[in-house]
N, C-alpha and C. Protein backbone atom coordinates (compact mmCIF):
# COMPACT_ATOMS: atom_id res chain seq x y z
N UNK A 1 132.78 123.83 95.18
CA UNK A 1 132.66 124.90 94.05
C UNK A 1 132.80 124.20 92.60
N UNK A 2 131.74 124.57 91.67
CA UNK A 2 131.94 124.02 90.22
C UNK A 2 132.22 125.11 89.59
N UNK A 3 133.25 124.79 88.69
CA UNK A 3 134.03 125.77 87.70
C UNK A 3 134.49 125.37 86.41
N UNK A 4 135.14 126.11 85.84
CA UNK A 4 135.83 125.99 84.57
C UNK A 4 137.19 125.95 84.47
N UNK A 5 137.75 125.64 83.51
CA UNK A 5 139.21 125.67 83.47
C UNK A 5 139.77 127.04 83.73
N UNK A 6 139.12 128.02 83.38
CA UNK A 6 139.60 129.47 83.58
C UNK A 6 139.38 129.62 85.03
N UNK A 7 138.38 129.26 85.85
CA UNK A 7 138.26 129.18 87.33
C UNK A 7 139.48 128.46 87.88
N UNK A 8 139.84 127.52 87.32
CA UNK A 8 141.02 126.58 88.12
C UNK A 8 142.08 127.73 87.83
N UNK A 9 142.61 128.02 86.57
CA UNK A 9 143.62 128.88 86.61
C UNK A 9 143.48 130.19 87.46
N UNK A 10 142.36 130.79 87.51
CA UNK A 10 142.47 131.87 88.47
C UNK A 10 142.59 131.73 89.96
N UNK A 11 141.98 130.47 90.29
CA UNK A 11 142.36 130.09 91.77
C UNK A 11 143.96 129.66 91.98
N UNK A 12 144.59 128.89 91.00
CA UNK A 12 145.80 128.90 91.23
C UNK A 12 146.79 130.29 91.27
N UNK A 13 146.39 131.12 90.32
CA UNK A 13 147.12 132.35 90.21
C UNK A 13 146.91 133.16 91.58
N UNK A 14 145.75 133.02 92.19
CA UNK A 14 145.21 133.82 93.53
C UNK A 14 145.98 133.03 94.30
N UNK A 15 146.11 131.77 94.39
CA UNK A 15 147.15 131.07 95.43
C UNK A 15 148.61 131.16 95.43
N UNK A 16 149.03 131.42 94.13
CA UNK A 16 150.27 131.71 93.96
C UNK A 16 150.64 133.05 94.67
N UNK A 17 149.91 134.11 94.40
CA UNK A 17 150.19 135.48 94.59
C UNK A 17 149.93 135.87 96.18
N UNK A 18 148.88 134.91 96.90
CA UNK A 18 148.79 134.99 98.18
C UNK A 18 149.54 134.16 99.39
N UNK A 19 149.94 133.02 98.76
CA UNK A 19 150.51 132.01 99.66
C UNK A 19 151.98 132.37 100.26
N UNK A 20 152.01 132.18 101.23
CA UNK A 20 153.39 132.11 102.03
C UNK A 20 154.13 130.91 101.74
N UNK A 21 153.63 129.94 101.46
CA UNK A 21 154.20 128.73 101.48
C UNK A 21 154.82 128.44 100.22
N UNK A 22 156.22 127.91 100.30
CA UNK A 22 156.95 127.57 99.08
C UNK A 22 157.21 126.14 99.16
N UNK A 23 157.09 125.51 98.19
CA UNK A 23 156.27 125.72 96.86
C UNK A 23 154.95 125.73 97.23
N UNK A 24 154.15 126.28 96.50
CA UNK A 24 152.68 126.30 96.44
C UNK A 24 152.30 125.05 95.69
N UNK A 25 151.50 124.21 96.27
CA UNK A 25 151.37 122.83 95.86
C UNK A 25 149.86 122.68 95.46
N UNK A 26 149.57 122.27 94.24
CA UNK A 26 148.23 122.00 93.70
C UNK A 26 148.04 120.70 93.25
N UNK A 27 147.16 119.91 93.83
CA UNK A 27 146.79 118.32 93.51
C UNK A 27 145.55 118.32 92.46
N UNK A 28 145.68 117.75 91.29
CA UNK A 28 144.83 117.82 90.36
C UNK A 28 144.50 116.15 90.45
N UNK A 29 143.16 116.17 90.97
CA UNK A 29 142.68 114.52 91.14
C UNK A 29 141.49 114.53 90.09
N UNK A 30 141.10 113.35 89.87
CA UNK A 30 139.97 113.26 89.08
C UNK A 30 139.86 111.88 88.27
N UNK A 31 138.89 111.82 87.55
CA UNK A 31 138.50 110.46 86.93
C UNK A 31 139.53 110.25 85.52
N UNK A 32 139.78 109.12 85.33
CA UNK A 32 140.69 108.87 84.19
C UNK A 32 139.91 109.51 82.97
N UNK A 33 140.99 109.89 81.97
CA UNK A 33 140.73 110.70 80.72
C UNK A 33 139.54 112.11 80.86
N UNK A 34 139.91 112.71 82.18
CA UNK A 34 139.03 113.66 82.24
C UNK A 34 139.69 114.99 81.87
N UNK A 35 141.09 114.88 81.46
CA UNK A 35 141.89 116.00 80.93
C UNK A 35 143.09 116.58 82.03
N UNK A 36 143.29 115.60 83.30
CA UNK A 36 144.06 116.13 84.28
C UNK A 36 145.43 116.33 83.94
N UNK A 37 145.99 115.43 83.03
CA UNK A 37 147.44 115.49 82.78
C UNK A 37 147.67 116.54 81.63
N UNK A 38 146.51 116.69 80.65
CA UNK A 38 146.77 117.72 79.75
C UNK A 38 146.56 119.06 80.41
N UNK A 39 145.81 119.55 81.28
CA UNK A 39 145.81 120.49 82.11
C UNK A 39 147.01 120.81 82.86
N UNK A 40 147.61 119.60 83.54
CA UNK A 40 148.85 120.05 84.16
C UNK A 40 149.94 120.17 83.33
N UNK A 41 150.09 119.80 82.11
CA UNK A 41 151.05 120.13 81.42
C UNK A 41 151.14 121.65 80.55
N UNK A 42 149.51 121.87 80.70
CA UNK A 42 149.36 123.29 80.03
C UNK A 42 150.05 124.46 81.22
N UNK A 43 150.29 124.11 82.49
CA UNK A 43 150.56 124.93 83.36
C UNK A 43 151.92 125.51 83.19
N UNK A 44 152.88 124.60 82.51
CA UNK A 44 154.37 124.69 82.21
C UNK A 44 155.06 124.84 83.60
N UNK A 45 154.84 124.12 84.62
CA UNK A 45 155.38 124.16 85.90
C UNK A 45 155.95 122.72 86.37
N UNK A 46 156.53 122.60 87.26
CA UNK A 46 157.10 121.21 87.78
C UNK A 46 155.78 120.38 88.05
N UNK A 47 155.52 119.27 87.31
CA UNK A 47 154.52 118.31 87.45
C UNK A 47 154.94 116.77 87.92
N UNK A 48 154.41 116.50 89.00
CA UNK A 48 154.90 115.19 89.50
C UNK A 48 153.30 114.32 89.04
N UNK A 49 153.58 113.14 88.47
CA UNK A 49 152.45 112.28 88.13
C UNK A 49 152.20 111.17 89.13
N UNK A 50 151.10 111.13 89.59
CA UNK A 50 150.87 109.86 90.38
C UNK A 50 151.16 108.48 89.60
N UNK A 51 150.95 108.47 88.25
CA UNK A 51 151.06 107.44 87.64
C UNK A 51 152.60 106.88 87.52
N UNK A 52 153.53 107.76 88.03
CA UNK A 52 154.90 107.40 88.24
C UNK A 52 155.08 106.67 89.61
N UNK A 53 154.05 106.47 90.45
CA UNK A 53 154.06 105.57 91.63
C UNK A 53 153.35 104.27 91.62
N UNK A 54 153.17 103.75 90.55
CA UNK A 54 152.71 102.16 90.68
C UNK A 54 153.24 101.39 91.34
N UNK A 55 152.39 100.55 92.07
CA UNK A 55 152.91 99.35 92.88
C UNK A 55 153.60 98.14 91.69
N UNK A 56 154.64 97.34 91.82
CA UNK A 56 155.03 96.48 90.85
C UNK A 56 153.85 95.29 91.41
N UNK A 57 153.80 94.49 90.20
CA UNK A 57 153.06 93.38 90.29
C UNK A 57 153.73 92.32 91.33
N UNK A 58 152.67 91.51 91.79
CA UNK A 58 153.16 90.71 92.64
C UNK A 58 153.83 89.47 92.07
N UNK A 59 154.59 88.39 92.71
CA UNK A 59 155.42 87.63 92.25
C UNK A 59 154.54 86.54 91.28
N UNK A 60 153.27 86.39 91.32
CA UNK A 60 152.52 85.72 90.28
C UNK A 60 152.11 86.53 89.11
N UNK A 61 152.52 87.74 88.99
CA UNK A 61 152.49 88.71 88.03
C UNK A 61 150.80 89.38 87.71
N UNK A 62 150.39 89.33 89.06
CA UNK A 62 148.93 89.99 89.31
C UNK A 62 149.28 91.28 89.81
N UNK A 63 148.31 92.16 89.51
CA UNK A 63 148.23 93.62 89.99
C UNK A 63 148.20 93.59 91.41
N UNK A 64 149.09 94.64 92.04
CA UNK A 64 148.93 94.73 93.62
C UNK A 64 147.96 95.76 93.63
N UNK A 65 146.81 95.41 94.10
CA UNK A 65 145.83 96.60 94.05
C UNK A 65 145.42 96.47 95.65
N UNK A 66 144.99 97.87 96.00
CA UNK A 66 144.38 98.07 97.38
C UNK A 66 143.02 98.52 97.10
N UNK A 67 142.14 98.20 98.08
CA UNK A 67 140.75 98.55 97.77
C UNK A 67 140.57 100.10 97.58
N UNK A 68 141.22 101.16 98.30
CA UNK A 68 140.84 102.60 98.09
C UNK A 68 142.09 103.27 97.69
N UNK A 69 143.03 102.64 97.06
CA UNK A 69 144.17 103.32 96.39
C UNK A 69 144.70 102.59 95.22
N UNK A 70 143.85 101.74 94.72
CA UNK A 70 144.41 100.94 93.45
C UNK A 70 145.75 100.47 93.44
N UNK A 71 146.47 100.59 92.27
CA UNK A 71 147.90 100.29 92.59
C UNK A 71 148.78 101.65 92.72
N UNK A 72 148.27 102.47 93.28
CA UNK A 72 148.93 103.68 93.52
C UNK A 72 149.84 103.31 94.81
N UNK A 73 151.30 103.45 94.74
CA UNK A 73 152.14 103.29 95.90
C UNK A 73 152.21 104.46 96.91
N UNK A 74 151.16 104.42 97.80
CA UNK A 74 151.09 105.85 98.65
C UNK A 74 152.21 106.06 99.49
N UNK A 75 153.00 104.81 99.84
CA UNK A 75 154.08 104.80 100.85
C UNK A 75 155.34 105.47 100.35
N UNK A 76 155.39 104.81 99.03
CA UNK A 76 156.81 105.56 98.30
C UNK A 76 156.42 106.97 98.02
N UNK A 77 155.09 107.19 97.67
CA UNK A 77 154.75 108.56 97.31
C UNK A 77 155.08 109.51 98.49
N UNK A 78 154.54 109.09 99.60
CA UNK A 78 154.82 110.12 101.04
C UNK A 78 156.21 109.89 101.21
N UNK A 79 156.95 109.02 101.06
CA UNK A 79 158.41 108.99 101.47
C UNK A 79 159.31 109.92 100.28
N UNK A 80 159.17 109.87 98.99
CA UNK A 80 159.86 110.64 97.98
C UNK A 80 159.43 111.86 97.82
N UNK A 81 157.84 112.12 97.85
CA UNK A 81 157.44 113.42 97.58
C UNK A 81 156.81 114.23 98.70
N UNK A 82 155.90 113.65 99.45
CA UNK A 82 155.23 114.57 100.41
C UNK A 82 156.25 114.94 101.53
N UNK A 83 157.15 113.96 102.18
CA UNK A 83 158.02 114.37 103.05
C UNK A 83 158.97 115.31 102.69
N UNK A 84 159.33 115.76 101.41
CA UNK A 84 160.27 116.58 100.80
C UNK A 84 159.74 118.05 100.27
N UNK A 85 158.39 117.98 100.12
CA UNK A 85 157.72 119.14 99.42
C UNK A 85 158.18 120.23 100.14
N UNK A 86 158.05 120.57 101.34
CA UNK A 86 158.48 121.85 102.24
C UNK A 86 159.78 121.95 102.80
N UNK A 87 160.69 120.89 102.37
CA UNK A 87 162.08 120.82 102.88
C UNK A 87 162.99 122.19 102.76
N UNK A 88 162.74 122.72 101.64
CA UNK A 88 163.68 123.82 101.35
C UNK A 88 164.85 123.30 100.77
N UNK A 89 165.01 122.15 100.17
CA UNK A 89 165.87 121.48 99.42
C UNK A 89 165.37 120.84 98.12
N UNK A 90 166.49 120.34 97.35
CA UNK A 90 166.14 119.46 96.23
C UNK A 90 165.76 118.23 96.70
N UNK A 91 165.10 117.45 95.95
CA UNK A 91 164.91 115.92 96.22
C UNK A 91 164.65 115.23 94.75
N UNK A 92 164.64 113.96 94.81
CA UNK A 92 164.48 112.93 93.77
C UNK A 92 163.30 112.12 94.15
N UNK A 93 162.80 111.65 93.02
CA UNK A 93 161.72 110.69 92.92
C UNK A 93 161.88 109.65 91.96
N UNK A 94 161.61 108.37 92.01
CA UNK A 94 161.66 107.55 91.04
C UNK A 94 160.41 107.24 90.12
N UNK A 95 160.71 107.03 88.94
CA UNK A 95 159.69 106.70 88.00
C UNK A 95 159.48 105.44 87.67
N UNK A 96 158.29 104.62 87.90
CA UNK A 96 158.08 103.34 87.89
C UNK A 96 157.59 102.96 86.34
N UNK A 97 158.09 102.02 85.98
CA UNK A 97 158.05 101.61 84.38
C UNK A 97 157.28 100.36 84.40
N UNK A 98 155.89 100.35 84.01
CA UNK A 98 155.04 99.10 84.05
C UNK A 98 155.66 98.03 83.30
N UNK A 99 156.21 98.35 82.07
CA UNK A 99 156.61 97.40 81.44
C UNK A 99 158.01 96.57 82.11
N UNK A 100 158.68 97.02 82.69
CA UNK A 100 160.01 96.47 83.26
C UNK A 100 159.41 96.00 84.72
N UNK A 101 158.53 96.86 85.12
CA UNK A 101 158.15 96.53 86.60
C UNK A 101 159.23 96.97 87.65
N UNK A 102 159.85 98.05 87.36
CA UNK A 102 160.95 98.53 88.20
C UNK A 102 161.08 100.29 88.00
N UNK A 103 161.83 100.78 88.88
CA UNK A 103 162.00 102.13 88.84
C UNK A 103 163.23 102.41 87.78
N UNK A 104 162.68 103.03 86.62
CA UNK A 104 164.02 103.10 85.58
C UNK A 104 164.76 104.28 85.79
N UNK A 105 163.98 105.44 86.19
CA UNK A 105 164.99 106.77 86.36
C UNK A 105 164.50 107.45 87.45
N UNK A 106 165.06 108.46 87.91
CA UNK A 106 164.86 109.30 88.90
C UNK A 106 164.65 110.80 88.28
N UNK A 107 163.62 111.69 88.78
CA UNK A 107 163.73 113.16 88.61
C UNK A 107 163.95 113.69 89.73
N UNK A 108 164.93 114.85 89.58
CA UNK A 108 165.23 115.76 90.29
C UNK A 108 164.40 117.15 90.46
N UNK A 109 163.97 117.37 91.82
CA UNK A 109 163.18 118.39 91.89
C UNK A 109 164.00 119.60 92.53
N UNK A 110 164.28 120.76 91.83
CA UNK A 110 165.22 121.80 92.70
C UNK A 110 164.36 122.95 92.93
N UNK A 111 163.80 123.02 94.31
CA UNK A 111 163.16 124.21 94.92
C UNK A 111 162.46 125.13 93.98
N UNK A 112 161.36 124.48 93.60
CA UNK A 112 160.42 125.39 92.73
C UNK A 112 159.39 126.08 93.64
N UNK A 113 159.11 127.13 92.95
CA UNK A 113 157.92 127.89 93.66
C UNK A 113 156.80 127.40 93.49
N UNK A 114 156.27 126.34 92.62
CA UNK A 114 154.85 125.93 92.36
C UNK A 114 155.29 124.49 91.79
N UNK A 115 154.63 123.43 92.55
CA UNK A 115 154.40 122.05 92.10
C UNK A 115 152.92 121.93 91.99
N UNK A 116 152.76 121.06 90.77
CA UNK A 116 151.45 120.34 90.56
C UNK A 116 151.51 118.91 90.72
N UNK A 117 150.86 118.08 91.45
CA UNK A 117 150.61 116.88 91.83
C UNK A 117 149.40 116.29 90.98
N UNK A 118 149.66 115.75 89.75
CA UNK A 118 148.83 115.13 88.89
C UNK A 118 148.44 113.78 88.95
N UNK A 119 147.03 113.51 89.13
CA UNK A 119 146.52 111.90 88.89
C UNK A 119 145.68 111.74 89.97
N UNK A 120 144.99 110.69 89.76
CA UNK A 120 144.02 110.04 90.56
C UNK A 120 144.86 109.50 91.71
N UNK A 121 144.11 109.86 93.05
CA UNK A 121 144.78 109.40 94.35
C UNK A 121 145.67 110.75 94.92
N UNK A 122 145.76 111.61 94.17
CA UNK A 122 146.68 112.70 94.67
C UNK A 122 146.07 113.48 96.01
N UNK A 123 144.87 113.45 96.07
CA UNK A 123 144.06 113.99 97.08
C UNK A 123 143.74 113.01 98.34
N UNK A 124 144.43 111.85 98.23
CA UNK A 124 144.27 110.83 99.25
C UNK A 124 144.27 111.00 100.59
N UNK A 125 143.38 110.72 101.56
CA UNK A 125 143.55 111.20 102.71
C UNK A 125 144.72 110.68 103.77
N UNK A 126 145.24 109.21 103.10
CA UNK A 126 146.52 109.06 103.53
C UNK A 126 147.78 109.98 103.28
N UNK A 127 147.50 110.81 102.59
CA UNK A 127 148.85 111.63 102.15
C UNK A 127 148.63 112.96 102.99
N UNK A 128 147.86 113.03 103.92
CA UNK A 128 147.67 114.19 104.74
C UNK A 128 147.20 115.49 103.99
N UNK A 129 147.40 116.68 104.52
CA UNK A 129 147.01 117.92 103.76
C UNK A 129 148.32 118.55 103.32
N UNK A 130 148.78 117.88 102.40
CA UNK A 130 150.12 118.42 101.70
C UNK A 130 149.97 119.50 100.77
N UNK A 131 148.61 119.53 100.04
CA UNK A 131 148.20 120.36 98.91
C UNK A 131 147.53 121.52 99.57
N UNK A 132 147.86 122.55 98.88
CA UNK A 132 147.36 124.21 99.08
C UNK A 132 146.10 124.18 98.33
N UNK A 133 145.91 123.57 97.33
CA UNK A 133 144.60 123.63 96.50
C UNK A 133 144.34 122.25 95.82
N UNK A 134 143.19 121.62 95.79
CA UNK A 134 142.78 120.68 95.13
C UNK A 134 141.79 120.95 94.27
N UNK A 135 142.00 120.21 93.14
CA UNK A 135 141.00 120.64 91.91
C UNK A 135 140.69 119.42 91.58
N UNK A 136 139.30 118.95 91.34
CA UNK A 136 138.71 117.64 90.64
C UNK A 136 138.42 117.85 89.32
N UNK A 137 139.13 116.94 88.41
CA UNK A 137 138.53 117.13 87.16
C UNK A 137 137.56 115.85 87.01
N UNK A 138 136.35 116.45 86.11
CA UNK A 138 135.17 115.22 86.17
C UNK A 138 134.77 115.14 84.65
N UNK A 139 134.00 114.02 84.45
CA UNK A 139 133.75 113.76 83.03
C UNK A 139 132.70 112.52 83.05
N UNK A 140 131.79 112.66 82.25
CA UNK A 140 130.82 111.82 82.25
C UNK A 140 130.98 110.42 81.83
N UNK A 141 130.34 109.43 82.19
CA UNK A 141 130.87 107.90 81.79
C UNK A 141 130.79 107.90 80.64
N UNK A 142 130.10 108.32 79.79
CA UNK A 142 129.94 108.17 78.42
C UNK A 142 131.27 108.81 77.66
N UNK A 143 131.34 109.97 78.04
CA UNK A 143 132.54 110.86 77.23
C UNK A 143 133.86 110.02 77.90
N UNK A 144 134.06 109.72 79.08
CA UNK A 144 135.11 109.10 79.70
C UNK A 144 135.49 107.82 78.66
N UNK A 145 134.46 106.89 78.72
CA UNK A 145 134.60 105.90 77.60
C UNK A 145 135.01 106.30 76.27
N UNK A 146 134.44 107.34 75.67
CA UNK A 146 134.87 107.51 74.38
C UNK A 146 136.14 107.91 74.27
N UNK A 147 136.59 108.77 75.38
CA UNK A 147 138.12 109.16 75.41
C UNK A 147 139.09 108.10 75.57
N UNK A 148 138.70 107.30 76.46
CA UNK A 148 139.60 106.13 76.71
C UNK A 148 139.91 105.08 75.50
N UNK A 149 138.61 104.74 74.70
CA UNK A 149 139.14 104.27 73.54
C UNK A 149 139.55 105.05 72.60
N UNK A 150 139.49 106.22 72.34
CA UNK A 150 140.29 106.92 71.64
C UNK A 150 141.84 107.05 71.89
N UNK A 151 142.00 106.84 73.01
CA UNK A 151 143.47 107.19 73.40
C UNK A 151 144.19 105.75 73.73
N UNK A 152 143.19 104.80 74.27
CA UNK A 152 144.13 103.42 74.49
C UNK A 152 143.60 102.46 73.63
N UNK A 153 142.46 102.44 72.79
CA UNK A 153 142.06 101.21 72.02
C UNK A 153 140.90 100.77 72.75
N UNK A 154 140.13 99.84 72.04
CA UNK A 154 139.01 99.20 72.29
C UNK A 154 139.41 97.98 73.30
N UNK A 155 140.64 97.28 73.02
CA UNK A 155 140.80 96.24 74.03
C UNK A 155 141.16 96.51 75.26
N UNK A 156 142.03 97.74 75.29
CA UNK A 156 142.52 98.20 76.75
C UNK A 156 141.55 99.16 77.39
N UNK A 157 140.32 99.47 76.67
CA UNK A 157 139.44 100.09 77.41
C UNK A 157 138.58 98.91 78.35
N UNK A 158 138.70 97.65 77.94
CA UNK A 158 138.14 96.85 78.86
C UNK A 158 138.82 96.85 80.22
N UNK A 159 140.01 97.23 80.41
CA UNK A 159 140.76 97.02 81.70
C UNK A 159 140.19 98.17 82.36
N UNK A 160 140.14 99.55 81.76
CA UNK A 160 139.70 100.84 82.51
C UNK A 160 138.23 100.25 82.83
N UNK A 161 137.23 99.76 82.27
CA UNK A 161 136.13 99.42 82.53
C UNK A 161 135.98 98.63 83.96
N UNK A 162 136.88 97.39 83.71
CA UNK A 162 136.64 96.33 84.67
C UNK A 162 137.59 96.58 85.89
N UNK A 163 138.77 97.44 85.70
CA UNK A 163 139.63 97.38 86.72
C UNK A 163 139.83 98.90 87.25
N UNK A 164 140.45 99.97 86.50
CA UNK A 164 140.91 101.00 86.91
C UNK A 164 139.36 101.94 87.33
N UNK A 165 138.50 101.93 86.57
CA UNK A 165 137.28 103.04 86.75
C UNK A 165 136.85 102.47 88.05
N UNK A 166 136.45 101.10 88.39
CA UNK A 166 135.75 100.68 89.74
C UNK A 166 136.72 101.23 90.82
N UNK A 167 138.07 101.00 90.75
CA UNK A 167 138.91 101.22 91.74
C UNK A 167 138.77 102.63 92.01
N UNK A 168 138.96 103.67 91.12
CA UNK A 168 139.05 105.02 91.09
C UNK A 168 137.63 105.41 92.14
N UNK A 169 136.53 104.89 91.67
CA UNK A 169 135.14 105.34 91.98
C UNK A 169 135.23 104.94 93.46
N UNK A 170 135.57 103.66 93.84
CA UNK A 170 135.63 103.38 95.41
C UNK A 170 136.31 104.32 96.33
N UNK A 171 137.62 104.75 95.67
CA UNK A 171 138.40 105.82 96.40
C UNK A 171 137.59 107.26 96.23
N UNK A 172 137.05 107.68 95.29
CA UNK A 172 136.31 108.95 95.12
C UNK A 172 135.13 108.80 96.36
N UNK A 173 134.51 107.83 96.41
CA UNK A 173 133.41 107.58 97.29
C UNK A 173 133.95 107.38 98.59
N UNK A 174 134.62 106.51 99.09
CA UNK A 174 135.43 106.58 100.39
C UNK A 174 136.14 107.96 100.99
N UNK A 175 136.77 108.57 100.36
CA UNK A 175 137.28 109.86 100.76
C UNK A 175 136.52 110.96 100.30
N UNK A 176 135.45 111.02 99.86
CA UNK A 176 134.69 112.01 99.31
C UNK A 176 135.42 113.29 98.79
N UNK A 177 136.19 112.53 97.85
CA UNK A 177 136.94 113.52 97.17
C UNK A 177 136.42 114.83 96.51
N UNK A 178 135.41 114.56 95.76
CA UNK A 178 134.89 115.82 95.28
C UNK A 178 134.39 117.09 96.36
N UNK A 179 133.87 116.49 97.24
CA UNK A 179 133.66 117.37 98.43
C UNK A 179 134.79 118.27 99.08
N UNK A 180 135.86 117.39 99.06
CA UNK A 180 136.94 117.87 99.72
C UNK A 180 137.88 118.82 98.75
N UNK A 181 137.32 118.74 97.42
CA UNK A 181 138.26 119.54 96.53
C UNK A 181 137.63 121.04 96.54
N UNK A 182 138.63 122.05 96.31
CA UNK A 182 138.27 123.45 96.37
C UNK A 182 137.47 123.70 94.93
N UNK A 183 137.69 123.03 93.85
CA UNK A 183 136.87 123.29 92.70
C UNK A 183 136.99 121.95 92.10
N UNK A 184 135.62 121.88 91.34
CA UNK A 184 135.44 120.53 90.50
C UNK A 184 135.23 121.20 89.07
N UNK A 185 135.99 120.53 88.13
CA UNK A 185 135.87 121.06 86.64
C UNK A 185 135.41 120.05 85.81
N UNK A 186 134.33 120.33 85.01
CA UNK A 186 133.76 119.20 84.25
C UNK A 186 134.12 119.52 83.03
N UNK A 187 135.05 118.65 82.36
CA UNK A 187 135.89 118.98 81.16
C UNK A 187 135.03 118.68 79.81
N UNK A 188 133.92 118.51 79.96
CA UNK A 188 133.05 118.34 78.75
C UNK A 188 132.49 119.48 78.40
N UNK A 189 132.50 120.75 79.15
CA UNK A 189 131.87 121.89 78.80
C UNK A 189 132.84 122.81 77.94
């Protein structure tokens, strides 16, 4: 289904009111610079970012990339987050710092009624069916590039063009993320 930000909020509210599961979990996946983080922050709830689960660089200093999950550490995410979501107890997860290449701090989650998992790879098949609702944020290639340059600068935009966007597109295609999403939101409208 294709819809707007308002439709996404409507689906979330409906899920919250009808679901018996606690916490109600929403995965917000999508293209970089499509507005996922901004939307997740606007919900004012517990938000866990997939960007906090990068893999450290290898011993040669190169990115540790997987063909269909980029440098997202799926195993750590499953262990620290997915396995604890429905445990009815508090849990902690580590936030990976790309500058120091290690986990610098931990965040404690204390039995919320609603959790948002925000970021590309949040609907990855290897994570199972942990999310109650999947929303895909979309943006055209032209608008994506404009936003990335505005946010990250012209030089860093090259890394997105050469590394991050191709990795995301392989993942979206392999796992048919748009098709498996409950709603696709184009953030240009």
